[in-house]
C-alpha cells in the first residue's frame, strides 16, 4: 500500500529468464501485487518465475500460451488489476530497464496529484541523448512528435517509454481487448485515453541501458508500423471525440487543410510535368499550387491550435480530484 492506495506492477515478460529475478528482487516494498505476464516465452522465464513465487508471495502469474505481444501482455495485466480492486497499476518491463528509484515519482501524480495516467520521460535531461542508442533516440523523437498530433496530448514526449502508472478510473474506462498488441501499445493507449478525457502527465526518469537487456525492436520496421498505427488512430480520435461526441469545428479546418494540401500537390505535379515536357513553368499552375499550399498550411495550423486548446486542461490535474487514483 502507498498512501492507502493498493498498488500493483504489471511486468510483461517474453524470454526474460536472465532479467526477471532482478526485477522481482528490486521491486519496491510498497507494491502489493507483482503481476508477471509470461507472454509465451520460449526460454526458462516461466520456470524462473515459478521458482520465485514461494519466496515472493506478492507474485501473481498470468501465463499466456499464445504470444500476444507486449501490448497484449500489458492488457492482460491491466484487466487483472481492473478486476481485482487495484487503485494504481504500474508497468515495469521484464528486462530490468526501469529504475526502482523512479517508482515513487511515477506513481505520485496518480496517487495524490489528480492525474489518471503518469508516464516516464527519458528526454527531459541531456542524459537520454548520451545513454539511449542513437538510432533509437532519433526513432523515439520522430514517433513522439507524431504521437503528439495523433493523441492530442501536445505536452507529452518520449511516447515509447513503458514506465507508466494508470488509475482505477482509467482502467475501467478503456476497452483493453481493443488495444494494439505490439510495440505501438503506448501510442495507442494515449489516443484512447484522450478520447476518454483522461488527465496525463510526464515525469522525468533515468534512461537505463546496457544491463543485459535484449531489445526485440527493429527501428526500421517499427517506425513505419507504428507510424501507420498513429495515422489510423488520429482519424479514429477525430471521429470519436470531435464528430460523434462534440462535433467540434476543428474538423472543418482539418478537412479543408487536407483538401487544399492535396490540391497543391496535384498542381505541383502538373507544373513539374509541363516544365519537363515544355521547358517552361505554367504560371497558373504554379500560382494555384502556392495558393493552395498556403491556405492548406494555415488551415492545418488553425486545426492544430484548436486541438491544443481543446486538450490543454488534460495536461493539468482533474479539478477537485483530491485523492487521485480512485474511480
Protein backbone atom coordinates (compact mmCIF):
# COMPACT_ATOMS: atom_id res chain seq x y z
CA UNK A 1 0.00 0.00 0.00
CA UNK A 2 1.04 3.56 -0.62
CA UNK A 3 -0.97 6.37 0.98
CA UNK A 4 -3.89 3.96 1.42
CA UNK A 5 -3.81 3.01 -2.26
CA UNK A 6 -3.41 -0.55 -3.45
CA UNK A 7 -0.51 -0.73 -5.92
CA UNK A 8 0.17 -3.42 -8.50
CA UNK A 9 3.01 -3.69 -11.00
CA UNK A 10 2.35 -5.34 -14.36
CA UNK A 11 5.50 -6.98 -15.73
CA UNK A 12 5.15 -8.10 -19.37
CA UNK A 13 7.79 -10.77 -19.94
CA UNK A 14 8.91 -12.54 -23.08
CA UNK A 15 12.17 -14.50 -22.91
CA UNK A 16 13.43 -12.66 -19.83
CA UNK A 17 14.95 -15.58 -17.89
CA UNK A 18 18.15 -13.64 -17.14
CA UNK A 19 16.45 -10.41 -16.06
CA UNK A 20 13.17 -11.30 -14.35
CA UNK A 21 14.74 -12.24 -11.00
CA UNK A 22 16.36 -8.80 -10.73
CA UNK A 23 13.02 -7.14 -11.48
CA UNK A 24 11.26 -9.08 -8.71
CA UNK A 25 14.02 -8.70 -6.12
CA UNK A 26 14.29 -4.92 -6.63
CA UNK A 27 10.54 -4.34 -6.54
CA UNK A 28 9.65 -1.59 -4.01
CA UNK A 29 8.10 -2.77 -0.75
CA UNK A 30 5.01 -0.58 -1.26
CA UNK A 31 3.90 -2.80 -4.16
CA UNK A 32 1.01 -5.07 -3.14
CA UNK A 33 0.97 -7.36 -6.19
CA UNK A 34 3.56 -8.16 -8.87
CA UNK A 35 1.55 -9.27 -11.89
CA UNK A 36 4.01 -11.09 -14.14
CA UNK A 37 2.59 -11.85 -17.56
CA UNK A 38 4.57 -14.59 -19.27
CA UNK A 39 3.96 -13.91 -22.96
CA UNK A 40 4.56 -17.44 -24.31
CA UNK A 41 8.29 -17.28 -23.59
CA UNK A 42 10.45 -19.85 -25.33
CA UNK A 43 13.19 -19.78 -22.70
CA UNK A 44 13.03 -20.57 -18.96
CA UNK A 45 11.13 -17.41 -17.94
CA UNK A 46 8.09 -19.39 -16.72
CA UNK A 47 10.23 -21.78 -14.68
CA UNK A 48 12.21 -18.93 -13.13
CA UNK A 49 9.04 -17.08 -12.12
CA UNK A 50 7.52 -20.19 -10.57
CA UNK A 51 10.72 -20.78 -8.61
CA UNK A 52 10.48 -17.22 -7.24
CA UNK A 53 6.85 -17.47 -6.12
CA UNK A 54 7.38 -19.33 -2.80
CA UNK A 55 9.78 -16.63 -1.58
CA UNK A 56 7.78 -13.78 -3.09
CA UNK A 57 4.07 -14.23 -2.28
CA UNK A 58 3.25 -10.89 -3.95
CA UNK A 59 3.68 -12.50 -7.38
CA UNK A 60 0.56 -13.13 -9.46
CA UNK A 61 1.45 -15.17 -12.56
CA UNK A 62 -0.51 -14.91 -15.80
CA UNK A 63 0.71 -17.44 -18.35
CA UNK A 64 -0.26 -16.68 -21.95
CA UNK A 65 0.05 -19.79 -24.07
CA UNK A 66 -0.12 -17.83 -27.33
CA UNK A 67 2.20 -14.87 -27.83
CA UNK A 68 0.21 -11.63 -27.60
CA UNK A 69 2.98 -9.08 -28.00
CA UNK A 70 3.97 -6.56 -25.35
CA UNK A 71 0.67 -4.67 -25.73
CA UNK A 72 -1.38 -7.81 -25.35
CA UNK A 73 0.59 -8.84 -22.28
CA UNK A 74 0.09 -5.43 -20.67
CA UNK A 75 -3.62 -5.56 -21.47
CA UNK A 76 -3.88 -8.94 -19.73
CA UNK A 77 -2.21 -7.47 -16.65
CA UNK A 78 -4.40 -4.38 -16.72
CA UNK A 79 -7.55 -6.47 -16.88
CA UNK A 80 -6.40 -8.43 -13.84
CA UNK A 81 -5.79 -5.16 -11.97
CA UNK A 82 -9.17 -3.77 -13.02
CA UNK A 83 -10.95 -6.90 -11.80
CA UNK A 84 -9.07 -7.17 -8.50
CA UNK A 85 -9.54 -3.78 -6.89
CA UNK A 86 -6.17 -2.25 -7.74
CA UNK A 87 -6.04 1.53 -7.33
CA UNK A 88 -2.87 2.17 -9.34
CA UNK A 89 -1.35 -0.18 -11.92
CA UNK A 90 2.27 0.40 -12.90
CA UNK A 91 4.04 -1.13 -15.88
CA UNK A 92 7.67 -2.18 -15.48
CA UNK A 93 9.32 -4.20 -18.23
CA UNK A 94 10.68 -7.65 -17.50
CA UNK A 95 14.14 -6.69 -18.80
CA UNK A 96 15.05 -4.53 -15.79
CA UNK A 97 15.35 -1.27 -17.74
CA UNK A 98 13.20 0.70 -15.32
CA UNK A 99 14.94 2.13 -12.27
CA UNK A 100 13.15 1.35 -8.97
CA UNK A 101 14.19 4.77 -7.62
CA UNK A 102 11.85 6.37 -10.16
CA UNK A 103 8.88 4.35 -8.88
CA UNK A 104 7.51 6.91 -6.40
CA UNK A 105 7.85 9.87 -8.81
CA UNK A 106 5.95 7.91 -11.47
CA UNK A 107 3.02 6.87 -9.25
CA UNK A 108 2.73 10.04 -7.15
CA UNK A 109 0.77 12.10 -9.73
CA UNK A 110 -1.82 9.30 -9.97
CA UNK A 111 -1.98 8.57 -6.25
CA UNK A 112 -2.32 12.15 -4.98
CA UNK A 113 -1.86 14.50 -7.92
CA UNK A 114 -5.24 14.14 -9.60
CA UNK A 115 -3.92 12.54 -12.80
CA UNK A 116 -5.31 9.45 -14.50
CA UNK A 117 -2.10 8.42 -16.24
CA UNK A 118 1.52 9.17 -15.49
CA UNK A 119 4.34 8.25 -17.85
CA UNK A 120 8.08 8.38 -17.58
CA UNK A 121 10.00 10.72 -19.85
CA UNK A 122 13.69 9.94 -20.50
CA UNK A 123 14.15 13.01 -22.71
CA UNK A 124 13.91 15.75 -20.06
CA UNK A 125 17.67 15.86 -19.49
CA UNK A 126 20.75 15.52 -21.68
CA UNK A 127 21.37 12.07 -20.21
CA UNK A 128 18.98 10.47 -22.71
CA UNK A 129 21.00 11.61 -25.74
CA UNK A 130 24.13 10.07 -24.27
CA UNK A 131 22.64 6.86 -22.87
CA UNK A 132 20.00 5.84 -25.41
CA UNK A 133 21.39 4.25 -28.59
CA UNK A 134 21.42 6.97 -31.26
CA UNK A 135 19.12 5.24 -33.75
CA UNK A 136 16.55 4.51 -31.04
CA UNK A 137 16.78 8.09 -29.77
CA UNK A 138 16.03 9.50 -33.24
CA UNK A 139 13.22 6.99 -33.85
CA UNK A 140 11.71 7.79 -30.45
CA UNK A 141 11.84 11.53 -31.18
CA UNK A 142 10.05 11.10 -34.53
CA UNK A 143 7.36 8.89 -33.00
CA UNK A 144 6.94 11.30 -30.08
CA UNK A 145 6.18 14.15 -32.49
CA UNK A 146 3.69 12.05 -34.43
CA UNK A 147 2.10 10.87 -31.17
CA UNK A 148 1.51 14.47 -30.06
CA UNK A 149 -0.55 15.04 -33.21
CA UNK A 150 -2.34 11.71 -33.13
CA UNK A 151 -3.18 11.68 -29.42
CA UNK A 152 -3.97 15.34 -28.75
CA UNK A 153 -1.60 15.31 -25.76
CA UNK A 154 0.65 18.05 -27.10
CA UNK A 155 2.57 18.30 -23.81
CA UNK A 156 3.89 14.72 -23.71
CA UNK A 157 7.14 13.39 -25.15
CA UNK A 158 9.08 10.10 -25.08
CA UNK A 159 5.98 8.32 -26.30
CA UNK A 160 7.71 4.91 -26.37
CA UNK A 161 8.55 4.67 -22.69
CA UNK A 162 6.87 1.78 -20.91
CA UNK A 163 7.31 3.06 -17.35
CA UNK A 164 3.75 4.20 -16.59
CA UNK A 165 1.10 4.36 -13.88
CA UNK A 166 -2.65 4.31 -14.50
CA UNK A 167 -5.59 4.96 -12.18
CA UNK A 168 -8.55 2.74 -11.39
CA UNK A 169 -10.76 5.28 -13.18
CA UNK A 170 -8.79 4.90 -16.41
CA UNK A 171 -8.54 1.11 -16.05
CA UNK A 172 -12.34 0.97 -16.03
CA UNK A 173 -12.77 3.38 -18.96
CA UNK A 174 -10.62 1.65 -21.60
CA UNK A 175 -11.62 -1.45 -23.57
CA UNK A 176 -8.38 -3.42 -23.19
CA UNK A 177 -9.42 -6.05 -25.73
CA UNK A 178 -9.16 -3.40 -28.45
CA UNK A 179 -5.74 -2.06 -27.50
CA UNK A 180 -2.90 -2.52 -30.00
CA UNK A 181 -0.94 -5.63 -29.06
CA UNK A 182 2.57 -4.88 -30.30
CA UNK A 183 5.17 -2.18 -29.70
CA UNK A 184 2.72 0.61 -30.54
CA UNK A 185 0.77 -0.02 -27.34
CA UNK A 186 1.87 3.21 -25.54
CA UNK A 187 0.90 5.29 -28.57
CA UNK A 188 -2.45 3.55 -28.99
CA UNK A 189 -3.24 3.93 -25.30
CA UNK A 190 -2.54 7.68 -25.29
CA UNK A 191 -5.06 8.15 -28.10
CA UNK A 192 -7.68 6.10 -26.26
CA UNK A 193 -7.06 8.00 -23.01
CA UNK A 194 -7.54 11.29 -24.82
CA UNK A 195 -10.90 10.23 -26.24
CA UNK A 196 -11.97 9.44 -22.65
CA UNK A 197 -10.66 12.85 -21.46
CA UNK A 198 -8.12 11.38 -19.07
CA UNK A 199 -5.54 13.67 -17.46
CA UNK A 200 -1.95 12.75 -18.36
CA UNK A 201 1.42 13.94 -17.05
CA UNK A 202 5.09 13.32 -17.93
CA UNK A 203 7.58 12.53 -15.16
CA UNK A 204 11.39 12.72 -15.61
CA UNK A 205 13.01 9.28 -15.27
CA UNK A 206 16.50 7.88 -15.73
CA UNK A 207 17.35 6.10 -19.00
CA UNK A 208 18.68 2.61 -18.14
CA UNK A 209 20.63 0.67 -20.76
CA UNK A 210 23.38 -1.95 -21.06
CA UNK A 211 22.33 -4.08 -18.10
CA UNK A 212 21.95 -7.28 -20.11
CA UNK A 213 18.60 -6.49 -21.75
CA UNK A 214 17.88 -7.66 -25.28
CA UNK A 215 15.63 -5.43 -27.36
CA UNK A 216 13.22 -7.06 -29.80
CA UNK A 217 12.57 -3.73 -31.52
CA UNK A 218 13.77 -3.24 -35.09
CA UNK A 219 13.61 0.52 -35.57
CA UNK A 220 13.49 0.44 -39.38
CA UNK A 221 10.35 -1.72 -39.19
CA UNK A 222 8.69 -0.37 -36.07
CA UNK A 223 8.81 3.29 -37.07
CA UNK A 224 6.69 2.54 -40.16
CA UNK A 225 4.25 0.16 -38.47
CA UNK A 226 3.73 2.50 -35.51
CA UNK A 227 3.63 5.47 -37.88
CA UNK A 228 0.76 3.86 -39.80
CA UNK A 229 -0.94 2.98 -36.50
CA UNK A 230 -0.75 6.65 -35.48
CA UNK A 231 -2.31 7.77 -38.76
CA UNK A 232 -5.23 5.38 -38.24
CA UNK A 233 -5.64 6.33 -34.57
CA UNK A 234 -5.53 10.05 -35.42
CA UNK A 235 -8.56 9.71 -37.69
CA UNK A 236 -10.24 7.41 -35.16
CA UNK A 237 -9.79 10.09 -32.46
CA UNK A 238 -11.22 12.80 -34.72
CA UNK A 239 -14.26 10.63 -35.40
CA UNK A 240 -14.83 9.51 -31.80
CA UNK A 241 -14.06 12.74 -29.96
CA UNK A 242 -14.84 15.57 -32.35
CA UNK A 243 -17.53 14.14 -34.63
CA UNK A 244 -19.55 11.65 -32.58
CA UNK A 245 -19.22 13.28 -29.15
CA UNK A 246 -18.81 17.05 -29.66
CA UNK A 247 -18.89 17.92 -33.37
CA UNK A 248 -16.02 20.38 -32.92
CA UNK A 249 -15.33 22.99 -35.68
CA UNK A 250 -11.69 21.89 -35.90
CA UNK A 251 -12.99 19.06 -38.13
CA UNK A 252 -13.64 21.62 -40.87
CA UNK A 253 -10.14 23.06 -40.57
CA UNK A 254 -8.54 19.61 -40.73
CA UNK A 255 -10.69 18.65 -43.72
CA UNK A 256 -10.15 21.92 -45.59
CA UNK A 257 -6.43 21.91 -44.84
CA UNK A 258 -6.07 18.34 -46.07
CA UNK A 259 -8.07 19.09 -49.24
CA UNK A 260 -6.02 22.17 -50.08
CA UNK A 261 -2.81 20.26 -49.45
CA UNK A 262 -3.89 17.59 -51.93
CA UNK A 263 -4.79 20.28 -54.48
CA UNK A 264 -1.37 21.92 -54.06
CA UNK A 265 0.33 18.58 -54.69
CA UNK A 266 -1.76 17.97 -57.82
CA UNK A 267 -0.89 21.37 -59.29
CA UNK A 268 2.73 20.94 -58.22
CA UNK A 269 2.96 17.64 -60.08
CA UNK A 270 1.23 19.18 -63.11
CA UNK A 271 3.64 22.14 -63.13
CA UNK A 272 6.65 19.82 -62.89
CA UNK A 273 5.34 17.61 -65.71
CA UNK A 274 4.73 20.57 -68.01
CA UNK A 275 8.14 22.05 -67.17
CA UNK A 276 9.85 18.78 -68.12
CA UNK A 277 7.79 18.48 -71.30
CA UNK A 278 7.96 22.12 -72.49
CA UNK A 279 10.90 23.61 -70.62
CA UNK A 280 8.77 26.39 -69.09
CA UNK A 281 6.75 26.64 -65.91
CA UNK A 282 3.00 27.23 -66.34
CA UNK A 283 2.31 30.33 -64.27
CA UNK A 284 -1.31 29.48 -63.46
CA UNK A 285 -0.39 26.02 -62.12
CA UNK A 286 2.43 27.46 -60.01
CA UNK A 287 0.21 30.22 -58.60
CA UNK A 288 -2.57 27.74 -57.79
CA UNK A 289 -0.04 25.41 -56.15
CA UNK A 290 1.37 28.21 -53.97
CA UNK A 291 -2.11 29.49 -53.08
CA UNK A 292 -3.44 26.03 -52.17
CA UNK A 293 -0.32 25.19 -50.17
CA UNK A 294 -0.53 28.46 -48.24
CA UNK A 295 -4.22 28.09 -47.44
CA UNK A 296 -3.77 24.41 -46.57
CA UNK A 297 -0.85 25.15 -44.24
CA UNK A 298 -2.79 27.86 -42.43
CA UNK A 299 -5.91 25.70 -42.12
CA UNK A 300 -3.93 22.83 -40.62
CA UNK A 301 -2.21 25.30 -38.30
CA UNK A 302 -5.60 26.50 -37.03
CA UNK A 303 -6.72 22.88 -36.63
CA UNK A 304 -3.65 22.07 -34.52
CA UNK A 305 -4.26 25.18 -32.43
CA UNK A 306 -7.93 24.26 -31.87
CA UNK A 307 -6.83 20.73 -30.92
CA UNK A 308 -4.28 22.10 -28.46
CA UNK A 309 -6.86 24.39 -26.87
CA UNK A 310 -9.41 21.59 -26.62
CA UNK A 311 -6.96 19.37 -24.74
CA UNK A 312 -4.86 21.78 -22.69
CA UNK A 313 -6.82 21.09 -19.50
CA UNK A 314 -5.91 17.39 -19.78
CA UNK A 315 -2.31 18.39 -19.01
CA UNK A 316 -3.48 19.55 -15.58
CA UNK A 317 -4.86 17.60 -12.61
CA UNK A 318 -8.56 16.81 -12.59
CA UNK A 319 -10.41 19.61 -10.73
CA UNK A 320 -11.25 18.54 -7.20
CA UNK A 321 -9.60 15.13 -7.66
CA UNK A 322 -8.01 15.21 -4.21
CA UNK A 323 -7.24 11.53 -3.72
CA UNK A 324 -6.15 10.95 -7.28
CA UNK A 325 -6.36 7.23 -8.01
CA UNK A 326 -9.96 6.49 -7.22
CA UNK A 327 -12.74 5.80 -9.68
